[in-house]
PDB file of N, CA and C in Angstrom:
ATOM      1  N   MET A   1      -0.723  42.422  84.849  1.00  0.00           N
ATOM      2  CA  MET A   1      -0.426  41.229  85.488  1.00  0.00           C
ATOM      3  C   MET A   1      -1.699  40.060  84.327  1.00  0.00           C
ATOM      4  N   LEU A   2      -2.920  40.971  84.497  1.00  0.00           N
ATOM      5  CA  LEU A   2      -3.879  39.765  83.754  1.00  0.00           C
ATOM      6  C   LEU A   2      -3.444  40.355  82.303  1.00  0.00           C
ATOM      7  N   SER A   3      -2.942  41.128  81.892  1.00  0.00           N
ATOM      8  CA  SER A   3      -2.758  41.012  80.567  1.00  0.00           C
ATOM      9  C   SER A   3      -1.896  40.018  79.462  1.00  0.00           C
ATOM     10  N   GLY A   4      -0.970  39.214  80.489  1.00  0.00           N
ATOM     11  CA  GLY A   4       0.066  37.896  80.259  1.00  0.00           C
ATOM     12  C   GLY A   4      -0.593  36.922  79.711  1.00  0.00           C
ATOM     13  N   LEU A   5      -2.041  37.106  80.228  1.00  0.00           N
ATOM     14  CA  LEU A   5      -2.977  35.727  80.269  1.00  0.00           C
ATOM     15  C   LEU A   5      -3.965  36.175  79.205  1.00  0.00           C
ATOM     16  N   LEU A   6      -3.998  37.028  78.883  1.00  0.00           N
ATOM     17  CA  LEU A   6      -4.702  37.548  77.460  1.00  0.00           C
ATOM     18  C   LEU A   6      -4.286  37.725  76.641  1.00  0.00           C
ATOM     19  N   THR A   7      -3.215  37.443  76.268  1.00  0.00           N
ATOM     20  CA  THR A   7      -2.456  38.020  75.137  1.00  0.00           C
ATOM     21  C   THR A   7      -1.652  37.067  75.055  1.00  0.00           C
ATOM     22  N   PRO A   8      -1.301  36.255  73.456  1.00  0.00           N
ATOM     23  CA  PRO A   8      -0.340  35.006  73.268  1.00  0.00           C
ATOM     24  C   PRO A   8       1.025  35.103  73.681  1.00  0.00           C
ATOM     25  N   PRO A   9       1.910  34.321  73.770  1.00  0.00           N
ATOM     26  CA  PRO A   9       3.224  34.569  74.379  1.00  0.00           C
ATOM     27  C   PRO A   9       3.804  35.123  73.054  1.00  0.00           C
ATOM     28  N   ALA A  10       4.714  36.099  73.406  1.00  0.00           N
ATOM     29  CA  ALA A  10       5.326  36.349  71.822  1.00  0.00           C
ATOM     30  C   ALA A  10       6.609  35.198  71.312  1.00  0.00           C
ATOM     31  N   LYS A  11       6.326  35.411  69.664  1.00  0.00           N
ATOM     32  CA  LYS A  11       6.903  34.154  69.451  1.00  0.00           C
ATOM     33  C   LYS A  11       8.380  34.659  69.235  1.00  0.00           C
ATOM     34  N   SER A  12       9.213  33.327  69.377  1.00  0.00           N
ATOM     35  CA  SER A  12      10.412  34.222  68.841  1.00  0.00           C
ATOM     36  C   SER A  12      10.697  34.412  67.381  1.00  0.00           C
ATOM     37  N   PRO A  13      11.731  35.053  66.992  1.00  0.00           N
ATOM     38  CA  PRO A  13      11.946  35.497  65.466  1.00  0.00           C
ATOM     39  C   PRO A  13      12.702  34.005  65.355  1.00  0.00           C
ATOM     40  N   MET A  14      12.003  33.704  63.042  1.00  0.00           N
ATOM     41  CA  MET A  14      12.611  32.643  62.840  1.00  0.00           C
ATOM     42  C   MET A  14      13.938  32.784  62.643  1.00  0.00           C
ATOM     43  N   THR A  15      14.959  31.756  63.251  1.00  0.00           N
ATOM     44  CA  THR A  15      16.662  31.648  62.147  1.00  0.00           C
ATOM     45  C   THR A  15      16.010  31.385  60.805  1.00  0.00           C
ATOM     46  N   GLY A  16      17.603  32.396  60.252  1.00  0.00           N
ATOM     47  CA  GLY A  16      17.540  31.981  59.027  1.00  0.00           C
ATOM     48  C   GLY A  16      17.158  30.778  58.246  1.00  0.00           C
ATOM     49  N   ALA A  17      17.792  29.314  59.242  1.00  0.00           N
ATOM     50  CA  ALA A  17      17.575  28.022  58.623  1.00  0.00           C
ATOM     51  C   ALA A  17      16.288  27.698  58.356  1.00  0.00           C
ATOM     52  N   GLN A  18      15.620  28.151  59.625  1.00  0.00           N
ATOM     53  CA  GLN A  18      14.286  27.868  59.811  1.00  0.00           C
ATOM     54  C   GLN A  18      13.376  28.344  58.684  1.00  0.00           C
ATOM     55  N   VAL A  19      13.796  29.776  58.371  1.00  0.00           N
ATOM     56  CA  VAL A  19      13.148  30.126  56.805  1.00  0.00           C
ATOM     57  C   VAL A  19      13.361  29.129  55.543  1.00  0.00           C
ATOM     58  N   LEU A  20      14.634  29.486  55.661  1.00  0.00           N
ATOM     59  CA  LEU A  20      15.022  28.126  54.751  1.00  0.00           C
ATOM     60  C   LEU A  20      14.711  26.473  54.370  1.00  0.00           C
ATOM     61  N   GLU A  21      13.997  26.595  55.414  1.00  0.00           N
ATOM     62  CA  GLU A  21      13.447  25.214  55.326  1.00  0.00           C
ATOM     63  C   GLU A  21      11.789  25.028  55.153  1.00  0.00           C
ATOM     64  N   GLY A  22      11.052  26.066  55.587  1.00  0.00           N
ATOM     65  CA  GLY A  22       9.770  26.610  55.348  1.00  0.00           C
ATOM     66  C   GLY A  22       9.521  26.582  53.491  1.00  0.00           C
ATOM     67  N   TRP A  23      11.056  26.847  53.421  1.00  0.00           N
ATOM     68  CA  TRP A  23      11.064  27.301  51.771  1.00  0.00           C
ATOM     69  C   TRP A  23      11.294  25.774  50.883  1.00  0.00           C
ATOM     70  N   GLY A  24      11.268  24.679  52.023  1.00  0.00           N
ATOM     71  CA  GLY A  24      11.623  23.237  51.537  1.00  0.00           C
ATOM     72  C   GLY A  24      13.553  23.587  51.014  1.00  0.00           C
ATOM     73  N   VAL A  25      14.422  24.388  51.787  1.00  0.00           N
ATOM     74  CA  VAL A  25      15.784  24.139  51.362  1.00  0.00           C
ATOM     75  C   VAL A  25      16.327  23.940  52.597  1.00  0.00           C
ATOM     76  N   ALA A  26      17.271  22.755  52.625  1.00  0.00           N
ATOM     77  CA  ALA A  26      17.970  22.702  53.662  1.00  0.00           C
ATOM     78  C   ALA A  26      19.662  22.976  53.743  1.00  0.00           C
ATOM     79  N   LEU A  27      20.192  23.308  54.953  1.00  0.00           N
ATOM     80  CA  LEU A  27      21.518  23.964  54.209  1.00  0.00           C
ATOM     81  C   LEU A  27      22.345  22.440  54.764  1.00  0.00           C
ATOM     82  N   ASP A  28      23.765  22.614  53.729  1.00  0.00           N
ATOM     83  CA  ASP A  28      24.347  21.301  53.682  1.00  0.00           C
ATOM     84  C   ASP A  28      25.112  21.876  55.392  1.00  0.00           C
ATOM     85  N   GLU A  29      26.217  20.585  55.674  1.00  0.00           N
ATOM     86  CA  GLU A  29      27.033  20.625  56.722  1.00  0.00           C
ATOM     87  C   GLU A  29      28.052  21.362  56.428  1.00  0.00           C
ATOM     88  N   GLY A  30      28.328  22.659  57.323  1.00  0.00           N
ATOM     89  CA  GLY A  30      28.998  23.758  56.962  1.00  0.00           C
ATOM     90  C   GLY A  30      28.749  24.848  56.575  1.00  0.00           C
ATOM     91  N   GLU A  31      27.018  24.609  55.600  1.00  0.00           N
ATOM     92  CA  GLU A  31      27.090  25.615  55.255  1.00  0.00           C
ATOM     93  C   GLU A  31      26.262  26.854  55.910  1.00  0.00           C
ATOM     94  N   THR A  32      26.775  27.770  55.614  1.00  0.00           N
ATOM     95  CA  THR A  32      26.180  28.873  56.323  1.00  0.00           C
ATOM     96  C   THR A  32      25.293  30.266  55.592  1.00  0.00           C
ATOM     97  N   ILE A  33      24.442  31.311  56.470  1.00  0.00           N
ATOM     98  CA  ILE A  33      23.852  31.873  55.772  1.00  0.00           C
ATOM     99  C   ILE A  33      24.627  33.529  55.413  1.00  0.00           C
ATOM    100  N   GLU A  34      24.520  33.734  54.711  1.00  0.00           N
ATOM    101  CA  GLU A  34      25.052  35.367  54.263  1.00  0.00           C
ATOM    102  C   GLU A  34      24.280  36.431  54.033  1.00  0.00           C
ATOM    103  N   GLU A  35      23.569  36.207  53.790  1.00  0.00           N
ATOM    104  CA  GLU A  35      22.551  37.503  53.448  1.00  0.00           C
ATOM    105  C   GLU A  35      21.080  36.762  52.598  1.00  0.00           C
ATOM    106  N   PHE A  36      19.963  37.699  53.697  1.00  0.00           N
ATOM    107  CA  PHE A  36      18.538  37.409  52.522  1.00  0.00           C
ATOM    108  C   PHE A  36      18.607  38.733  51.952  1.00  0.00           C
ATOM    109  N   PHE A  37      17.750  39.321  50.573  1.00  0.00           N
ATOM    110  CA  PHE A  37      17.342  40.026  49.849  1.00  0.00           C
ATOM    111  C   PHE A  37      16.126  39.943  49.631  1.00  0.00           C
ATOM    112  N   VAL A  38      15.421  40.900  49.290  1.00  0.00           N
ATOM    113  CA  VAL A  38      13.748  40.946  48.752  1.00  0.00           C
ATOM    114  C   VAL A  38      14.553  41.592  47.508  1.00  0.00           C
ATOM    115  N   ALA A  39      14.260  40.676  46.438  1.00  0.00           N
ATOM    116  CA  ALA A  39      14.845  41.144  45.240  1.00  0.00           C
ATOM    117  C   ALA A  39      13.766  40.771  44.000  1.00  0.00           C
ATOM    118  N   GLU A  40      14.434  41.034  42.828  1.00  0.00           N
ATOM    119  CA  GLU A  40      13.170  40.695  41.650  1.00  0.00           C
ATOM    120  C   GLU A  40      14.262  39.753  40.741  1.00  0.00           C
ATOM    121  N   VAL A  41      13.989  38.376  40.453  1.00  0.00           N
ATOM    122  CA  VAL A  41      14.838  37.552  39.820  1.00  0.00           C
ATOM    123  C   VAL A  41      14.256  37.512  38.253  1.00  0.00           C
ATOM    124  N   ASP A  42      14.512  37.901  37.061  1.00  0.00           N
ATOM    125  CA  ASP A  42      13.791  37.783  36.078  1.00  0.00           C
ATOM    126  C   ASP A  42      12.206  37.950  36.164  1.00  0.00           C
ATOM    127  N   ASP A  43      12.295  39.334  36.673  1.00  0.00           N
ATOM    128  CA  ASP A  43      11.175  39.933  36.617  1.00  0.00           C
ATOM    129  C   ASP A  43      10.147  39.546  37.575  1.00  0.00           C
ATOM    130  N   ARG A  44      10.304  38.288  38.448  1.00  0.00           N
ATOM    131  CA  ARG A  44       9.596  37.731  39.557  1.00  0.00           C
ATOM    132  C   ARG A  44      10.040  38.589  40.938  1.00  0.00           C
ATOM    133  N   ALA A  45       9.529  39.071  41.927  1.00  0.00           N
ATOM    134  CA  ALA A  45       9.676  39.521  43.448  1.00  0.00           C
ATOM    135  C   ALA A  45       9.543  37.703  43.838  1.00  0.00           C
ATOM    136  N   GLY A  46      10.619  37.931  45.226  1.00  0.00           N
ATOM    137  CA  GLY A  46      10.864  37.016  45.640  1.00  0.00           C
ATOM    138  C   GLY A  46      11.941  37.234  46.717  1.00  0.00           C
ATOM    139  N   PHE A  47      11.911  36.450  47.055  1.00  0.00           N
ATOM    140  CA  PHE A  47      13.431  36.883  48.335  1.00  0.00           C
ATOM    141  C   PHE A  47      14.461  35.852  47.770  1.00  0.00           C
ATOM    142  N   LEU A  48      15.311  36.279  48.387  1.00  0.00           N
ATOM    143  CA  LEU A  48      16.944  35.718  48.033  1.00  0.00           C
ATOM    144  C   LEU A  48      17.799  35.573  48.802  1.00  0.00           C
ATOM    145  N   ALA A  49      18.109  34.128  49.247  1.00  0.00           N
ATOM    146  CA  ALA A  49      19.205  33.926  49.830  1.00  0.00           C
ATOM    147  C   ALA A  49      20.449  33.432  49.638  1.00  0.00           C
ATOM    148  N   ILE A  50      21.547  34.172  49.822  1.00  0.00           N
ATOM    149  CA  ILE A  50      22.904  33.980  49.650  1.00  0.00           C
ATOM    150  C   ILE A  50      23.769  33.186  50.669  1.00  0.00           C
ATOM    151  N   THR A  51      24.238  31.840  50.193  1.00  0.00           N
ATOM    152  CA  THR A  51      24.506  31.290  51.599  1.00  0.00           C
ATOM    153  C   THR A  51      26.141  30.846  51.213  1.00  0.00           C
ATOM    154  N   SER A  52      26.742  30.563  51.994  1.00  0.00           N
ATOM    155  CA  SER A  52      28.165  30.382  51.804  1.00  0.00           C
ATOM    156  C   SER A  52      28.599  29.567  50.350  1.00  0.00           C
ATOM    157  N   ARG A  53      27.514  28.584  50.206  1.00  0.00           N
ATOM    158  CA  ARG A  53      28.009  28.092  48.744  1.00  0.00           C
ATOM    159  C   ARG A  53      26.766  28.295  47.662  1.00  0.00           C
ATOM    160  N   ARG A  54      25.133  28.819  47.861  1.00  0.00           N
ATOM    161  CA  ARG A  54      24.515  28.748  47.088  1.00  0.00           C
ATOM    162  C   ARG A  54      23.859  30.302  46.968  1.00  0.00           C
ATOM    163  N   PHE A  55      23.033  30.491  45.868  1.00  0.00           N
ATOM    164  CA  PHE A  55      22.077  31.118  45.266  1.00  0.00           C
ATOM    165  C   PHE A  55      21.003  30.538  45.158  1.00  0.00           C
ATOM    166  N   ILE A  56      19.953  31.144  46.088  1.00  0.00           N
ATOM    167  CA  ILE A  56      18.842  30.637  46.293  1.00  0.00           C
ATOM    168  C   ILE A  56      17.637  31.406  46.136  1.00  0.00           C
ATOM    169  N   PHE A  57      16.914  30.839  45.152  1.00  0.00           N
ATOM    170  CA  PHE A  57      15.491  32.413  44.914  1.00  0.00           C
ATOM    171  C   PHE A  57      14.259  31.646  45.232  1.00  0.00           C
ATOM    172  N   VAL A  58      13.767  32.557  45.814  1.00  0.00           N
ATOM    173  CA  VAL A  58      12.230  31.673  46.566  1.00  0.00           C
ATOM    174  C   VAL A  58      10.917  32.726  46.069  1.00  0.00           C
ATOM    175  N   ALA A  59      10.007  32.835  45.583  1.00  0.00           N
ATOM    176  CA  ALA A  59       8.657  33.507  44.913  1.00  0.00           C
ATOM    177  C   ALA A  59       7.455  32.884  45.200  1.00  0.00           C
ATOM    178  N   ASP A  60       6.255  33.671  45.334  1.00  0.00           N
ATOM    179  CA  ASP A  60       5.118  33.057  46.182  1.00  0.00           C
ATOM    180  C   ASP A  60       4.538  32.771  44.328  1.00  0.00           C
ATOM    181  N   THR A  61       4.442  31.516  44.225  1.00  0.00           N
ATOM    182  CA  THR A  61       3.627  31.148  43.217  1.00  0.00           C
ATOM    183  C   THR A  61       1.945  30.966  43.082  1.00  0.00           C
ATOM    184  N   GLY A  62       1.777  31.570  44.039  1.00  0.00           N
ATOM    185  CA  GLY A  62       0.252  31.337  44.674  1.00  0.00           C
ATOM    186  C   GLY A  62      -0.420  30.104  45.057  1.00  0.00           C
ATOM    187  N   ARG A  63       0.704  29.317  45.463  1.00  0.00           N
ATOM    188  CA  ARG A  63       0.521  27.972  45.890  1.00  0.00           C
ATOM    189  C   ARG A  63       1.444  28.065  47.489  1.00  0.00           C
ATOM    190  N   GLY A  64       2.162  29.658  47.477  1.00  0.00           N
ATOM    191  CA  GLY A  64       2.779  29.550  48.896  1.00  0.00           C
ATOM    192  C   GLY A  64       4.181  29.510  48.303  1.00  0.00           C
ATOM    193  N   PRO A  65       5.207  29.880  48.751  1.00  0.00           N
ATOM    194  CA  PRO A  65       6.770  30.240  48.313  1.00  0.00           C
ATOM    195  C   PRO A  65       6.890  29.121  47.648  1.00  0.00           C
ATOM    196  N   THR A  66       7.650  29.336  46.667  1.00  0.00           N
ATOM    197  CA  THR A  66       8.292  27.883  45.620  1.00  0.00           C
ATOM    198  C   THR A  66       9.710  28.147  45.386  1.00  0.00           C
ATOM    199  N   LEU A  67      10.608  27.378  45.400  1.00  0.00           N
ATOM    200  CA  LEU A  67      11.944  27.710  44.884  1.00  0.00           C
ATOM    201  C   LEU A  67      12.322  27.523  43.273  1.00  0.00           C
ATOM    202  N   ILE A  68      12.411  28.682  42.757  1.00  0.00           N
ATOM    203  CA  ILE A  68      12.327  29.026  41.616  1.00  0.00           C
ATOM    204  C   ILE A  68      14.089  28.868  40.889  1.00  0.00           C
ATOM    205  N   HIS A  69      15.195  29.481  41.541  1.00  0.00           N
ATOM    206  CA  HIS A  69      16.652  29.123  41.581  1.00  0.00           C
ATOM    207  C   HIS A  69      16.946  28.361  42.406  1.00  0.00           C
ATOM    208  N   GLU A  70      17.828  27.819  42.495  1.00  0.00           N
ATOM    209  CA  GLU A  70      18.999  27.560  42.925  1.00  0.00           C
ATOM    210  C   GLU A  70      20.573  27.093  43.018  1.00  0.00           C
ATOM    211  N   HIS A  71      21.234  27.450  42.784  1.00  0.00           N
ATOM    212  CA  HIS A  71      22.868  27.848  41.402  1.00  0.00           C
ATOM    213  C   HIS A  71      23.586  27.506  42.964  1.00  0.00           C
ATOM    214  N   LEU A  72      24.978  26.651  42.624  1.00  0.00           N
ATOM    215  CA  LEU A  72      26.530  27.079  43.307  1.00  0.00           C
ATOM    216  C   LEU A  72      26.867  28.537  42.813  1.00  0.00           C
ATOM    217  N   LEU A  73      27.219  29.218  44.007  1.00  0.00           N
ATOM    218  CA  LEU A  73      27.521  30.626  43.821  1.00  0.00           C
ATOM    219  C   LEU A  73      28.804  29.916  43.043  1.00  0.00           C
ATOM    220  N   SER A  74      29.724  28.896  42.789  1.00  0.00           N
ATOM    221  CA  SER A  74      30.859  28.649  41.505  1.00  0.00           C
ATOM    222  C   SER A  74      30.318  28.482  40.345  1.00  0.00           C
ATOM    223  N   ALA A  75      29.260  28.607  40.327  1.00  0.00           N
ATOM    224  CA  ALA A  75      28.528  28.247  38.862  1.00  0.00           C
ATOM    225  C   ALA A  75      28.215  29.790  38.089  1.00  0.00           C
ATOM    226  N   ALA A  76      28.461  30.675  38.728  1.00  0.00           N
ATOM    227  CA  ALA A  76      28.293  31.983  38.653  1.00  0.00           C
ATOM    228  C   ALA A  76      29.216  32.750  37.837  1.00  0.00           C
ATOM    229  N   ARG A  77      28.671  32.741  36.124  1.00  0.00           N
ATOM    230  CA  ARG A  77      29.357  33.152  35.785  1.00  0.00           C
ATOM    231  C   ARG A  77      29.290  34.791  34.938  1.00  0.00           C
ATOM    232  N   ASN A  78      29.956  35.776  34.174  1.00  0.00           N
ATOM    233  CA  ASN A  78      29.896  36.864  33.602  1.00  0.00           C
ATOM    234  C   ASN A  78      28.958  37.894  34.312  1.00  0.00           C
ATOM    235  N   VAL A  79      29.241  38.087  35.728  1.00  0.00           N
ATOM    236  CA  VAL A  79      28.262  38.752  36.349  1.00  0.00           C
ATOM    237  C   VAL A  79      29.047  40.273  36.168  1.00  0.00           C
ATOM    238  N   GLU A  80      28.057  41.399  36.062  1.00  0.00           N
ATOM    239  CA  GLU A  80      28.123  42.506  35.322  1.00  0.00           C
ATOM    240  C   GLU A  80      26.497  43.266  35.635  1.00  0.00           C
ATOM    241  N   MET A  81      26.893  44.686  36.250  1.00  0.00           N
ATOM    242  CA  MET A  81      25.372  45.424  35.931  1.00  0.00           C
ATOM    243  C   MET A  81      25.140  45.906  34.117  1.00  0.00           C
ATOM    244  N   VAL A  82      24.071  45.744  34.151  1.00  0.00           N
ATOM    245  CA  VAL A  82      23.509  46.207  32.640  1.00  0.00           C
ATOM    246  C   VAL A  82      22.503  47.232  33.243  1.00  0.00           C
ATOM    247  N   ARG A  83      21.986  48.106  32.297  1.00  0.00           N
ATOM    248  CA  ARG A  83      21.064  48.386  32.030  1.00  0.00           C
ATOM    249  C   ARG A  83      19.982  47.998  31.024  1.00  0.00           C
ATOM    250  N   ARG A  84      18.406  47.817  32.054  1.00  0.00           N
ATOM    251  CA  ARG A  84      17.464  47.129  31.341  1.00  0.00           C
ATOM    252  C   ARG A  84      16.441  48.002  31.415  1.00  0.00           C
ATOM    253  N   GLY A  85      16.237  48.734  30.614  1.00  0.00           N
ATOM    254  CA  GLY A  85      15.231  49.902  30.484  1.00  0.00           C
ATOM    255  C   GLY A  85      15.740  51.083  31.449  1.00  0.00           C
ATOM    256  N   LEU A  86      14.959  51.536  32.305  1.00  0.00           N
ATOM    257  CA  LEU A  86      15.342  52.766  33.069  1.00  0.00           C
ATOM    258  C   LEU A  86      15.869  52.144  33.935  1.00  0.00           C
ATOM    259  N   ARG A  87      16.053  50.994  34.685  1.00  0.00           N
ATOM    260  CA  ARG A  87      16.739  50.075  35.550  1.00  0.00           C
ATOM    261  C   ARG A  87      17.913  49.606  35.395  1.00  0.00           C
ATOM    262  N   HIS A  88      18.937  49.595  36.616  1.00  0.00           N
ATOM    263  CA  HIS A  88      20.200  49.222  36.508  1.00  0.00           C
ATOM    264  C   HIS A  88      19.516  47.348  37.109  1.00  0.00           C
ATOM    265  N   LYS A  89      20.240  46.697  36.832  1.00  0.00           N
ATOM    266  CA  LYS A  89      20.212  45.054  36.793  1.00  0.00           C
ATOM    267  C   LYS A  89      21.529  44.208  37.148  1.00  0.00           C
ATOM    268  N   LEU A  90      21.652  43.161  37.879  1.00  0.00           N
ATOM    269  CA  LEU A  90      23.309  42.436  37.738  1.00  0.00           C
ATOM    270  C   LEU A  90      22.571  41.469  36.719  1.00  0.00           C
ATOM    271  N   ARG A  91      23.207  41.062  35.820  1.00  0.00           N
ATOM    272  CA  ARG A  91      23.161  40.314  35.036  1.00  0.00           C
ATOM    273  C   ARG A  91      23.881  38.965  35.606  1.00  0.00           C
ATOM    274  N   VAL A  92      23.734  37.744  35.976  1.00  0.00           N
ATOM    275  CA  VAL A  92      24.478  36.514  36.050  1.00  0.00           C
ATOM    276  C   VAL A  92      24.494  35.312  34.841  1.00  0.00           C
ATOM    277  N   THR A  93      25.159  34.249  34.222  1.00  0.00           N
ATOM    278  CA  THR A  93      25.012  33.877  33.543  1.00  0.00           C
ATOM    279  C   THR A  93      25.445  32.107  34.445  1.00  0.00           C
ATOM    280  N   TRP A  94      24.393  31.099  34.644  1.00  0.00           N
ATOM    281  CA  TRP A  94      24.305  29.949  34.923  1.00  0.00           C
ATOM    282  C   TRP A  94      24.010  28.588  34.585  1.00  0.00           C
ATOM    283  N   HIS A  95      24.883  27.953  34.126  1.00  0.00           N
ATOM    284  CA  HIS A  95      25.074  27.024  32.972  1.00  0.00           C
ATOM    285  C   HIS A  95      24.699  27.548  31.351  1.00  0.00           C
ATOM    286  N   GLY A  96      25.352  28.693  31.403  1.00  0.00           N
ATOM    287  CA  GLY A  96      24.829  29.224  29.763  1.00  0.00           C
ATOM    288  C   GLY A  96      23.302  29.887  29.692  1.00  0.00           C
ATOM    289  N   THR A  97      22.849  29.816  31.041  1.00  0.00           N
ATOM    290  CA  THR A  97      21.455  30.831  30.716  1.00  0.00           C
ATOM    291  C   THR A  97      21.785  31.944  31.542  1.00  0.00           C
ATOM    292  N   GLU A  98      21.020  32.994  31.051  1.00  0.00           N
ATOM    293  CA  GLU A  98      21.401  34.585  31.727  1.00  0.00           C
ATOM    294  C   GLU A  98      20.243  34.256  32.481  1.00  0.00           C
ATOM    295  N   SER A  99      20.776  35.071  33.939  1.00  0.00           N
ATOM    296  CA  SER A  99      19.170  36.085  35.455  1.00  0.00           C
ATOM    297  C   SER A  99      19.089  37.136  35.218  1.00  0.00           C
ATOM    298  N   PHE A 100      18.827  37.878  35.513  1.00  0.00           N
ATOM    299  CA  PHE A 100      18.318  39.146  35.811  1.00  0.00           C
ATOM    300  C   PHE A 100      18.223  39.277  36.878  1.00  0.00           C
ATOM    301  N   VAL A 101      19.094  40.401  37.805  1.00  0.00           N
ATOM    302  CA  VAL A 101      18.460  40.356  39.382  1.00  0.00           C
ATOM    303  C   VAL A 101      18.345  41.698  39.681  1.00  0.00           C
ATOM    304  N   GLY A 102      17.067  42.326  40.219  1.00  0.00           N
ATOM    305  CA  GLY A 102      16.917  44.040  40.356  1.00  0.00           C
ATOM    306  C   GLY A 102      15.940  43.971  41.669  1.00  0.00           C
ATOM    307  N   GLY A 103      15.631  45.301  41.618  1.00  0.00           N
ATOM    308  CA  GLY A 103      15.042  45.557  42.938  1.00  0.00           C
ATOM    309  C   GLY A 103      15.815  45.812  43.638  1.00  0.00           C
ATOM    310  N   LEU A 104      16.974  46.174  43.935  1.00  0.00           N
ATOM    311  CA  LEU A 104      18.259  46.762  45.236  1.00  0.00           C
ATOM    312  C   LEU A 104      18.833  47.839  44.796  1.00  0.00           C
ATOM    313  N   ASP A 105      18.990  48.147  46.069  1.00  0.00           N
ATOM    314  CA  ASP A 105      19.494  49.472  46.002  1.00  0.00           C
ATOM    315  C   ASP A 105      21.199  49.411  45.928  1.00  0.00           C
ATOM    316  N   ARG A 106      22.033  50.737  45.420  1.00  0.00           N
ATOM    317  CA  ARG A 106      23.129  50.383  44.892  1.00  0.00           C
ATOM    318  C   ARG A 106      24.186  49.564  45.744  1.00  0.00           C
ATOM    319  N   LYS A 107      23.829  49.411  46.795  1.00  0.00           N
ATOM    320  CA  LYS A 107      25.098  48.779  47.877  1.00  0.00           C
ATOM    321  C   LYS A 107      24.732  47.516  48.033  1.00  0.00           C
ATOM    322  N   THR A 108      22.817  47.264  47.813  1.00  0.00           N
ATOM    323  CA  THR A 108      22.979  45.765  47.874  1.00  0.00           C
ATOM    324  C   THR A 108      23.621  44.915  46.742  1.00  0.00           C
ATOM    325  N   PHE A 109      23.116  45.556  45.539  1.00  0.00           N
ATOM    326  CA  PHE A 109      23.216  45.324  44.507  1.00  0.00           C
ATOM    327  C   PHE A 109      25.226  44.922  44.558  1.00  0.00           C
ATOM    328  N   SER A 110      26.050  46.113  45.240  1.00  0.00           N
ATOM    329  CA  SER A 110      27.213  45.666  45.062  1.00  0.00           C
ATOM    330  C   SER A 110      27.484  44.844  46.125  1.00  0.00           C
ATOM    331  N   ARG A 111      27.049  44.210  47.044  1.00  0.00           N
ATOM    332  CA  ARG A 111      27.348  43.347  48.250  1.00  0.00           C
ATOM    333  C   ARG A 111      26.777  41.961  47.325  1.00  0.00           C
ATOM    334  N   LEU A 112      25.838  41.786  46.585  1.00  0.00           N
ATOM    335  CA  LEU A 112      25.492  40.919  45.933  1.00  0.00           C
ATOM    336  C   LEU A 112      26.094  40.389  44.661  1.00  0.00           C
ATOM    337  N   GLN A 113      26.906  41.642  44.337  1.00  0.00           N
ATOM    338  CA  GLN A 113      27.997  40.961  42.999  1.00  0.00           C
ATOM    339  C   GLN A 113      29.518  40.941  43.481  1.00  0.00           C
ATOM    340  N   HIS A 114      29.727  41.297  44.870  1.00  0.00           N
ATOM    341  CA  HIS A 114      30.794  41.072  45.623  1.00  0.00           C
ATOM    342  C   HIS A 114      30.512  39.287  45.764  1.00  0.00           C
ATOM    343  N   HIS A 115      29.086  38.747  46.135  1.00  0.00           N
ATOM    344  CA  HIS A 115      29.270  37.584  46.676  1.00  0.00           C
ATOM    345  C   HIS A 115      29.358  36.512  45.754  1.00  0.00           C
ATOM    346  N   LEU A 116      28.170  37.010  44.460  1.00  0.00           N
ATOM    347  CA  LEU A 116      28.816  36.066  43.246  1.00  0.00           C
ATOM    348  C   LEU A 116      29.794  36.131  42.391  1.00  0.00           C
ATOM    349  N   GLN A 117      30.926  36.991  42.457  1.00  0.00           N
ATOM    350  CA  GLN A 117      32.117  37.135  41.625  1.00  0.00           C
ATOM    351  C   GLN A 117      33.284  36.408  42.624  1.00  0.00           C
ATOM    352  N   ASP A 118      33.359  36.650  44.169  1.00  0.00           N
ATOM    353  CA  ASP A 118      33.591  36.177  44.872  1.00  0.00           C
ATOM    354  C   ASP A 118      34.187  34.647  44.389  1.00  0.00           C
ATOM    355  N   ARG A 119      33.347  33.957  44.415  1.00  0.00           N
ATOM    356  CA  ARG A 119      33.115  32.295  44.354  1.00  0.00           C
ATOM    357  C   ARG A 119      32.904  31.831  43.098  1.00  0.00           C
ATOM    358  N   GLY A 120      32.490  32.765  42.130  1.00  0.00           N
ATOM    359  CA  GLY A 120      32.524  32.121  40.522  1.00  0.00           C
ATOM    360  C   GLY A 120      33.917  32.370  39.813  1.00  0.00           C
ATOM    361  N   LEU A 121      33.880  31.538  39.194  1.00  0.00           N
ATOM    362  CA  LEU A 121      34.962  30.878  37.943  1.00  0.00           C
ATOM    363  C   LEU A 121      35.572  31.877  37.044  1.00  0.00           C
ATOM    364  N   PRO A 122      36.027  32.242  36.628  1.00  0.00           N
ATOM    365  CA  PRO A 122      36.377  33.086  35.351  1.00  0.00           C
ATOM    366  C   PRO A 122      35.533  32.680  33.982  1.00  0.00           C
TER     367      PRO A 122
END
């Protein structure tokens, strides 16, 4: 009975939209969050959000979460698994620049590849 007075009330978990807002990213009208991943993009560890429209990667640069990559999924080109050293990575070309996504297990790589290939143009 008294323990409720001594401990702070439990916080409700943040929604995906609130997490993105904390990163300085607002969802567009009708845009939905499809998945969140802990990943490495271009050898930087961080968080990757896939929405119904965008690829959003945020990493901690020492000053808190910083938006590193934000691309429309429709801009993804040449999405393929490649070996970099001993590890597999997903290579994606965005407007002529390559990015490498790693740090994921096989099933997660497959889901991410599916998200990017389904919306990217040939």
